[in-house]
């Protein structure tokens, strides 16, 4: 076969496209969180139903990280990215349509299943994390991946924080319906921009032009690509699932990243209902004091894990989560609660970094599969935890917003136990 082929793009362009696409898609995690009080009042939701609703975007999006991350190894990132963003557009369009025709007087509890469904679809962009992570890895050489992946995850993960600030402001200025219509337009335009700038790494371009696996690897290597898909990723997932340590990491990530997603959508309601803050103030406080802090502390958390060990770092970080949870349970003072929230953000962010620092050490022969398994099932905590928090509101009333943090105290204790078990297993080996 002739090698009369051409390739496009560069690592910098690949990183920019992946980061932009993930930023656009990941914002869907807060599709209901900042506006939770609006939906709660209009539909008369119980605590559990509110928790399920704000957690809905995590239902599908988190689990999609597993198959879509694996699919990326076969077809590159552009197609999976566009499908996930397309599903998000369907969800946001459905939600916008409901609000246009039924809000405010017709937004009744009977529409809850449909609103839940569209919220779940709106969160499909969350699954883009594993896709963009793979895309970035294949574009960059090994000695530059740390910086590239930190840039990708740090900037991409910032969108929920930014949107948590903007959505209450937009609702106050434009109203709930117009705000979501504008969000839909933003999502569509963002998807179009991603489609225009996204280019798969050289290997995938060459394979699409008909080169064999061996020849594509050779030519892509000449162009500077160092990493390539290796084998069947679904086999890698099954191999990772057979290892007990993989499930320990899943449980740890369930607390750290799943816990992060849950509080991202729950804390605005906490600040409004328990402490009487305005929705805009609650959004800013949640975004700055929790979402952005937990996002960016992952970078020093990764450095600390490299220096002192992932197990030790995880033990300490889950201890910080537990202390923060105790403060949130006991206090009704907004200042003390703010300290507790900062401790939760710090502990959760560092635990995220420590968990993924341990992953290649414990599952060296199935890193790709383990990443999808840990990332997908761990992030599922973002759907499971909010209704648990809502249960305490149903039982204890407004005070349940504080009492519910016993869930994080329990998760922190489990995290300490698991990371300690991993530490002593390593020490004893």
Foldseek 3Di string as FASTA:
>chain_A
DDPPDDFDDALVLLLVLLLLLLLLQQLLLQVQQLVLVLLCVQAVDFLLLSLLQSLLLLQQQLQLLQVLLLVCQVQNQLVSSLVLLVLLLVLLVQLLVCCVPAPRNNSYPVCSVVNSVSSNSNNNSSSSLSRSLVQSLQRDDPVCSLVSNLVSQLSSLLNLLVCLLVQLVCCVVPNDSVSSVVSSVVSVVSSVVSNVRHGGQQLNSSVVVPDDNVVSVVVSVVVPGDDHRDPRLVVLLVVLVVDPVLVLLLLLLLLQQLVLSQCSRLQLVLCCLLVVDDSNVSSNLCSVLARSLLSNLLSVLLVVCVVPNLLVQQLVLLVLLLVLLVQLQPDSDPVSVSVSRNSNSNSSSSSNNSSLVCQCVRSVPRSSSSCSSSSSSSNSSSSVLSSLLSVQCNVPPSSSVRNSSVVSNVSSVSSNVSSVVVVVVVVVD
